Amino acid sequence: MKRFSRWQSNRSHNSLLFEPLERALKLPNPLNYVVVGTGPGSYTGVRIGISAALGISLVKKVPVVGISSLCGLDDAPSDGIYPVIGDARRGSYFWAEVNHWKLVGDPEICSSDELVSRPKASTRPPLTCDRTELPVPAKITHPSAERLARTALHTLDPAQLSDSAPVEPIYLRAPYITTPKPKGRPKS
């Protein structure tokens, strides 16, 4: 029987990752591969998660598999078919569809009006990981490490689990980076 370690790491609490990760690495079962959520999510959080997975992969000499975090939501229907919405920041939202535990295309950025008028592709209400108010009703949930691992076991063939393809994060848009303001003239 497969054993999974489970913990929740909220935004800005990614430093909490390492203690449960250390406990998981001490489990008696051999590690065959590492599964990591690739987002979308917190820009820094996704990068920290992928970096930690790559580090474990190197040390343990096992492949790392990246799966969209949207494919591993705790309260998802058992058939793995559901829409997901969320706050994409800067006054916009995202819409994504998961079909049999696989992300269908890339998440789409849309305005509040576009999200509200979006044709209903599913009779199920959308899921969200955001606790902020959204323009349409959605059921709040969160990604689960256990669900991601089970998704990998049930949706990927063994060749994909042993493939060493690079893991790429899913970003909703390019990072918003500003240049620093110029400092005053240096004193002589």
C-alpha atoms as a PDB file:
ATOM      1  CA  MET A   1       0.000   0.000   0.000  1.00  0.00           C
ATOM      2  CA  LYS A   2       1.284   3.455  -0.898  1.00  0.00           C
ATOM      3  CA  ARG A   3       1.766   5.889   1.982  1.00  0.00           C
ATOM      4  CA  PHE A   4       1.581   9.609   1.521  1.00  0.00           C
ATOM      5  CA  SER A   5       2.641  12.468   3.715  1.00  0.00           C
ATOM      6  CA  ARG A   6       0.139  15.293   4.083  1.00  0.00           C
ATOM      7  CA  TRP A   7       0.360  18.913   5.129  1.00  0.00           C
ATOM      8  CA  GLN A   8      -0.996  22.281   4.131  1.00  0.00           C
ATOM      9  CA  SER A   9       1.256  25.223   3.373  1.00  0.00           C
ATOM     10  CA  ASN A  10      -0.635  28.495   3.094  1.00  0.00           C
ATOM     11  CA  ARG A  11       0.654  31.454   1.094  1.00  0.00           C
ATOM     12  CA  SER A  12       3.598  33.183   2.724  1.00  0.00           C
ATOM     13  CA  HIS A  13       4.167  30.190   4.988  1.00  0.00           C
ATOM     14  CA  ASN A  14       6.368  28.204   2.643  1.00  0.00           C
ATOM     15  CA  SER A  15       9.092  27.991   5.284  1.00  0.00           C
ATOM     16  CA  LEU A  16       6.787  25.474   6.973  1.00  0.00           C
ATOM     17  CA  LEU A  17       7.538  23.085   4.100  1.00  0.00           C
ATOM     18  CA  PHE A  18      10.808  21.720   5.393  1.00  0.00           C
ATOM     19  CA  GLU A  19       9.819  20.148   8.718  1.00  0.00           C
ATOM     20  CA  PRO A  20       7.019  17.963   7.259  1.00  0.00           C
ATOM     21  CA  LEU A  21       9.224  17.232   4.269  1.00  0.00           C
ATOM     22  CA  GLU A  22      11.923  15.927   6.589  1.00  0.00           C
ATOM     23  CA  ARG A  23       9.363  13.674   8.322  1.00  0.00           C
ATOM     24  CA  ALA A  24       8.128  12.386   4.945  1.00  0.00           C
ATOM     25  CA  LEU A  25      11.651  11.504   3.862  1.00  0.00           C
ATOM     26  CA  LYS A  26      12.080   9.390   6.999  1.00  0.00           C
ATOM     27  CA  LEU A  27       9.089   7.158   6.156  1.00  0.00           C
ATOM     28  CA  PRO A  28      10.152   3.510   5.804  1.00  0.00           C
ATOM     29  CA  ASN A  29       8.827   3.051   2.246  1.00  0.00           C
ATOM     30  CA  PRO A  30      11.329   3.533  -0.579  1.00  0.00           C
ATOM     31  CA  LEU A  31      10.872   6.653  -2.671  1.00  0.00           C
ATOM     32  CA  ASN A  32      10.114   5.870  -6.338  1.00  0.00           C
ATOM     33  CA  TYR A  33       9.468   9.402  -7.570  1.00  0.00           C
ATOM     34  CA  VAL A  34       8.593  12.879  -6.327  1.00  0.00           C
ATOM     35  CA  VAL A  35       5.331  14.593  -7.331  1.00  0.00           C
ATOM     36  CA  VAL A  36       5.065  18.361  -7.118  1.00  0.00           C
ATOM     37  CA  GLY A  37       2.241  20.816  -7.778  1.00  0.00           C
ATOM     38  CA  THR A  38       3.243  23.191 -10.561  1.00  0.00           C
ATOM     39  CA  GLY A  39       0.600  25.850  -9.984  1.00  0.00           C
ATOM     40  CA  PRO A  40      -0.961  28.122 -10.755  1.00  0.00           C
ATOM     41  CA  GLY A  41      -0.481  29.626  -7.353  1.00  0.00           C
ATOM     42  CA  SER A  42       1.775  31.918  -5.428  1.00  0.00           C
ATOM     43  CA  TYR A  43       4.716  32.787  -7.690  1.00  0.00           C
ATOM     44  CA  THR A  44       7.229  32.214  -4.891  1.00  0.00           C
ATOM     45  CA  GLY A  45       5.381  29.226  -3.435  1.00  0.00           C
ATOM     46  CA  VAL A  46       5.342  27.333  -6.746  1.00  0.00           C
ATOM     47  CA  ARG A  47       9.055  28.011  -7.242  1.00  0.00           C
ATOM     48  CA  ILE A  48       9.896  26.875  -3.693  1.00  0.00           C
ATOM     49  CA  GLY A  49       7.873  23.672  -4.124  1.00  0.00           C
ATOM     50  CA  ILE A  50       9.508  22.800  -7.442  1.00  0.00           C
ATOM     51  CA  SER A  51      12.969  23.618  -6.079  1.00  0.00           C
ATOM     52  CA  ALA A  52      12.417  21.380  -3.046  1.00  0.00           C
ATOM     53  CA  ALA A  53      11.158  18.550  -5.303  1.00  0.00           C
ATOM     54  CA  LEU A  54      14.185  18.886  -7.593  1.00  0.00           C
ATOM     55  CA  GLY A  55      16.516  18.809  -4.583  1.00  0.00           C
ATOM     56  CA  ILE A  56      14.910  15.618  -3.252  1.00  0.00           C
ATOM     57  CA  SER A  57      15.024  14.128  -6.740  1.00  0.00           C
ATOM     58  CA  LEU A  58      18.773  14.759  -6.992  1.00  0.00           C
ATOM     59  CA  VAL A  59      19.588  13.412  -3.533  1.00  0.00           C
ATOM     60  CA  LYS A  60      17.352  10.337  -3.779  1.00  0.00           C
ATOM     61  CA  LYS A  61      18.093   9.729  -7.477  1.00  0.00           C
ATOM     62  CA  VAL A  62      14.409   9.448  -8.396  1.00  0.00           C
ATOM     63  CA  PRO A  63      12.435  11.295 -11.080  1.00  0.00           C
ATOM     64  CA  VAL A  64      10.297  14.313 -10.295  1.00  0.00           C
ATOM     65  CA  VAL A  65       6.835  14.640 -11.861  1.00  0.00           C
ATOM     66  CA  GLY A  66       5.037  17.974 -12.091  1.00  0.00           C
ATOM     67  CA  ILE A  67       1.233  18.115 -12.105  1.00  0.00           C
ATOM     68  CA  SER A  68      -0.943  21.216 -12.056  1.00  0.00           C
ATOM     69  CA  SER A  69      -2.017  21.977  -8.506  1.00  0.00           C
ATOM     70  CA  LEU A  70      -5.566  22.349  -9.868  1.00  0.00           C
ATOM     71  CA  CYS A  71      -5.577  18.582 -10.572  1.00  0.00           C
ATOM     72  CA  GLY A  72      -5.072  17.756  -6.911  1.00  0.00           C
ATOM     73  CA  LEU A  73      -7.827  19.625  -5.098  1.00  0.00           C
ATOM     74  CA  ASP A  74      -9.104  18.013  -1.901  1.00  0.00           C
ATOM     75  CA  ASP A  75     -12.835  18.372  -2.486  1.00  0.00           C
ATOM     76  CA  ALA A  76     -12.837  17.547  -6.198  1.00  0.00           C
ATOM     77  CA  PRO A  77     -15.511  15.157  -7.508  1.00  0.00           C
ATOM     78  CA  SER A  78     -14.426  11.513  -7.592  1.00  0.00           C
ATOM     79  CA  ASP A  79     -14.433  11.416 -11.411  1.00  0.00           C
ATOM     80  CA  GLY A  80     -11.967  14.303 -11.612  1.00  0.00           C
ATOM     81  CA  ILE A  81     -14.173  16.502 -13.814  1.00  0.00           C
ATOM     82  CA  TYR A  82     -14.637  20.067 -12.569  1.00  0.00           C
ATOM     83  CA  PRO A  83     -14.076  23.763 -13.329  1.00  0.00           C
ATOM     84  CA  VAL A  84     -11.724  25.901 -11.218  1.00  0.00           C
ATOM     85  CA  ILE A  85     -11.730  29.672 -10.828  1.00  0.00           C
ATOM     86  CA  GLY A  86      -9.533  32.034  -8.914  1.00  0.00           C
ATOM     87  CA  ASP A  87      -8.237  35.531  -8.376  1.00  0.00           C
ATOM     88  CA  ALA A  88      -5.514  36.268 -10.939  1.00  0.00           C
ATOM     89  CA  ARG A  89      -4.713  39.583  -9.250  1.00  0.00           C
ATOM     90  CA  ARG A  90      -4.620  42.992 -10.915  1.00  0.00           C
ATOM     91  CA  GLY A  91      -8.413  43.051 -11.273  1.00  0.00           C
ATOM     92  CA  SER A  92      -8.695  39.794 -13.204  1.00  0.00           C
ATOM     93  CA  TYR A  93      -9.661  36.169 -12.623  1.00  0.00           C
ATOM     94  CA  PHE A  94      -8.768  32.804 -14.104  1.00  0.00           C
ATOM     95  CA  TRP A  95     -10.884  29.914 -15.352  1.00  0.00           C
ATOM     96  CA  ALA A  96      -9.598  26.372 -15.867  1.00  0.00           C
ATOM     97  CA  GLU A  97     -11.116  22.980 -16.513  1.00  0.00           C
ATOM     98  CA  VAL A  98      -9.953  19.643 -15.184  1.00  0.00           C
ATOM     99  CA  ASN A  99     -11.112  16.511 -16.994  1.00  0.00           C
ATOM    100  CA  HIS A 100     -10.358  13.111 -15.449  1.00  0.00           C
ATOM    101  CA  TRP A 101      -7.658  14.669 -13.254  1.00  0.00           C
ATOM    102  CA  LYS A 102      -5.890  16.370 -16.181  1.00  0.00           C
ATOM    103  CA  LEU A 103      -5.782  20.106 -16.849  1.00  0.00           C
ATOM    104  CA  VAL A 104      -7.516  20.927 -20.145  1.00  0.00           C
ATOM    105  CA  GLY A 105      -5.345  23.553 -21.835  1.00  0.00           C
ATOM    106  CA  ASP A 106      -3.978  26.492 -19.903  1.00  0.00           C
ATOM    107  CA  PRO A 107      -5.935  28.523 -17.364  1.00  0.00           C
ATOM    108  CA  GLU A 108      -7.612  31.485 -19.071  1.00  0.00           C
ATOM    109  CA  ILE A 109      -7.395  35.029 -17.711  1.00  0.00           C
ATOM    110  CA  CYS A 110     -10.682  36.930 -17.800  1.00  0.00           C
ATOM    111  CA  SER A 111     -12.402  39.985 -16.381  1.00  0.00           C
ATOM    112  CA  SER A 112     -15.134  39.818 -13.776  1.00  0.00           C
ATOM    113  CA  ASP A 113     -17.798  40.322 -16.478  1.00  0.00           C
ATOM    114  CA  GLU A 114     -16.275  37.579 -18.656  1.00  0.00           C
ATOM    115  CA  LEU A 115     -16.204  35.180 -15.723  1.00  0.00           C
ATOM    116  CA  VAL A 116     -19.858  35.865 -14.887  1.00  0.00           C
ATOM    117  CA  SER A 117     -21.015  35.510 -18.504  1.00  0.00           C
ATOM    118  CA  ARG A 118     -18.894  32.425 -19.196  1.00  0.00           C
ATOM    119  CA  PRO A 119     -20.971  29.594 -20.672  1.00  0.00           C
ATOM    120  CA  LYS A 120     -21.498  26.783 -18.214  1.00  0.00           C
ATOM    121  CA  ALA A 121     -19.306  23.914 -19.421  1.00  0.00           C
ATOM    122  CA  SER A 122     -20.194  21.931 -16.323  1.00  0.00           C
ATOM    123  CA  THR A 123     -23.267  21.572 -14.157  1.00  0.00           C
ATOM    124  CA  ARG A 124     -20.933  21.493 -11.156  1.00  0.00           C
ATOM    125  CA  PRO A 125     -20.082  24.677  -9.313  1.00  0.00           C
ATOM    126  CA  PRO A 126     -16.481  25.743  -9.761  1.00  0.00           C
ATOM    127  CA  LEU A 127     -13.869  25.038  -7.117  1.00  0.00           C
ATOM    128  CA  THR A 128     -11.474  27.708  -5.872  1.00  0.00           C
ATOM    129  CA  CYS A 129      -8.482  27.955  -3.570  1.00  0.00           C
ATOM    130  CA  ASP A 130      -9.143  31.654  -2.946  1.00  0.00           C
ATOM    131  CA  ARG A 131     -10.833  32.912   0.170  1.00  0.00           C
ATOM    132  CA  THR A 132     -11.352  36.318  -1.428  1.00  0.00           C
ATOM    133  CA  GLU A 133     -14.737  37.271  -2.836  1.00  0.00           C
ATOM    134  CA  LEU A 134     -15.193  36.102  -6.418  1.00  0.00           C
ATOM    135  CA  PRO A 135     -17.815  37.320  -8.930  1.00  0.00           C
ATOM    136  CA  VAL A 136     -19.396  33.845  -9.138  1.00  0.00           C
ATOM    137  CA  PRO A 137     -20.120  31.323  -6.356  1.00  0.00           C
ATOM    138  CA  ALA A 138     -17.436  28.674  -5.891  1.00  0.00           C
ATOM    139  CA  LYS A 139     -16.632  25.952  -3.376  1.00  0.00           C
ATOM    140  CA  ILE A 140     -13.437  26.690  -1.427  1.00  0.00           C
ATOM    141  CA  THR A 141     -10.876  23.899  -1.252  1.00  0.00           C
ATOM    142  CA  HIS A 142      -7.089  23.545  -1.376  1.00  0.00           C
ATOM    143  CA  PRO A 143      -4.471  21.440  -3.179  1.00  0.00           C
ATOM    144  CA  SER A 144      -3.586  18.181  -1.499  1.00  0.00           C
ATOM    145  CA  ALA A 145      -0.176  16.504  -1.730  1.00  0.00           C
ATOM    146  CA  GLU A 146      -1.879  13.143  -1.328  1.00  0.00           C
ATOM    147  CA  ARG A 147      -4.355  13.879  -4.145  1.00  0.00           C
ATOM    148  CA  LEU A 148      -1.491  14.967  -6.431  1.00  0.00           C
ATOM    149  CA  ALA A 149       0.376  11.726  -5.711  1.00  0.00           C
ATOM    150  CA  ARG A 150      -2.738   9.637  -6.372  1.00  0.00           C
ATOM    151  CA  THR A 151      -3.346  11.600  -9.581  1.00  0.00           C
ATOM    152  CA  ALA A 152       0.163  10.732 -10.721  1.00  0.00           C
ATOM    153  CA  LEU A 153      -0.367   7.049  -9.920  1.00  0.00           C
ATOM    154  CA  HIS A 154      -3.685   6.835 -11.766  1.00  0.00           C
ATOM    155  CA  THR A 155      -3.205   9.139 -14.742  1.00  0.00           C
ATOM    156  CA  LEU A 156       0.417   8.772 -15.822  1.00  0.00           C
ATOM    157  CA  ASP A 157       1.889   5.734 -17.464  1.00  0.00           C
ATOM    158  CA  PRO A 158       5.124   4.292 -16.010  1.00  0.00           C
ATOM    159  CA  ALA A 159       7.201   5.848 -18.808  1.00  0.00           C
ATOM    160  CA  GLN A 160       6.027   9.310 -17.726  1.00  0.00           C
ATOM    161  CA  LEU A 161       6.889   8.548 -14.114  1.00  0.00           C
ATOM    162  CA  SER A 162      10.441   7.629 -15.066  1.00  0.00           C
ATOM    163  CA  ASP A 163      10.854  10.471 -17.577  1.00  0.00           C
ATOM    164  CA  SER A 164      13.249  13.162 -16.468  1.00  0.00           C
ATOM    165  CA  ALA A 165      11.594  15.976 -18.442  1.00  0.00           C
ATOM    166  CA  PRO A 166      12.048  19.349 -16.743  1.00  0.00           C
ATOM    167  CA  VAL A 167       9.247  20.442 -14.438  1.00  0.00           C
ATOM    168  CA  GLU A 168       7.799  23.776 -15.535  1.00  0.00           C
ATOM    169  CA  PRO A 169       5.701  26.033 -13.311  1.00  0.00           C
ATOM    170  CA  ILE A 170       2.290  27.186 -14.529  1.00  0.00           C
ATOM    171  CA  TYR A 171       2.054  30.947 -14.266  1.00  0.00           C
ATOM    172  CA  LEU A 172      -1.091  32.860 -15.088  1.00  0.00           C
ATOM    173  CA  ARG A 173       0.998  35.682 -16.555  1.00  0.00           C
ATOM    174  CA  ALA A 174       4.554  36.917 -16.584  1.00  0.00           C
ATOM    175  CA  PRO A 175       5.752  38.102 -13.162  1.00  0.00           C
ATOM    176  CA  TYR A 176       5.113  41.733 -12.336  1.00  0.00           C
ATOM    177  CA  ILE A 177       8.557  43.115 -11.599  1.00  0.00           C
ATOM    178  CA  THR A 178       9.301  46.776 -11.143  1.00  0.00           C
ATOM    179  CA  THR A 179      12.655  48.464 -11.419  1.00  0.00           C
ATOM    180  CA  PRO A 180      13.984  50.087  -8.272  1.00  0.00           C
ATOM    181  CA  LYS A 181      13.596  53.829  -7.906  1.00  0.00           C
ATOM    182  CA  PRO A 182      16.833  55.710  -8.432  1.00  0.00           C
ATOM    183  CA  LYS A 183      18.542  56.689  -5.229  1.00  0.00           C
ATOM    184  CA  GLY A 184      19.588  60.237  -4.488  1.00  0.00           C
ATOM    185  CA  ARG A 185      22.953  61.509  -5.612  1.00  0.00           C
ATOM    186  CA  PRO A 186      25.853  60.029  -3.674  1.00  0.00           C
ATOM    187  CA  LYS A 187      27.400  62.294  -1.070  1.00  0.00           C
ATOM    188  CA  SER A 188      30.941  63.434  -1.785  1.00  0.00           C
END
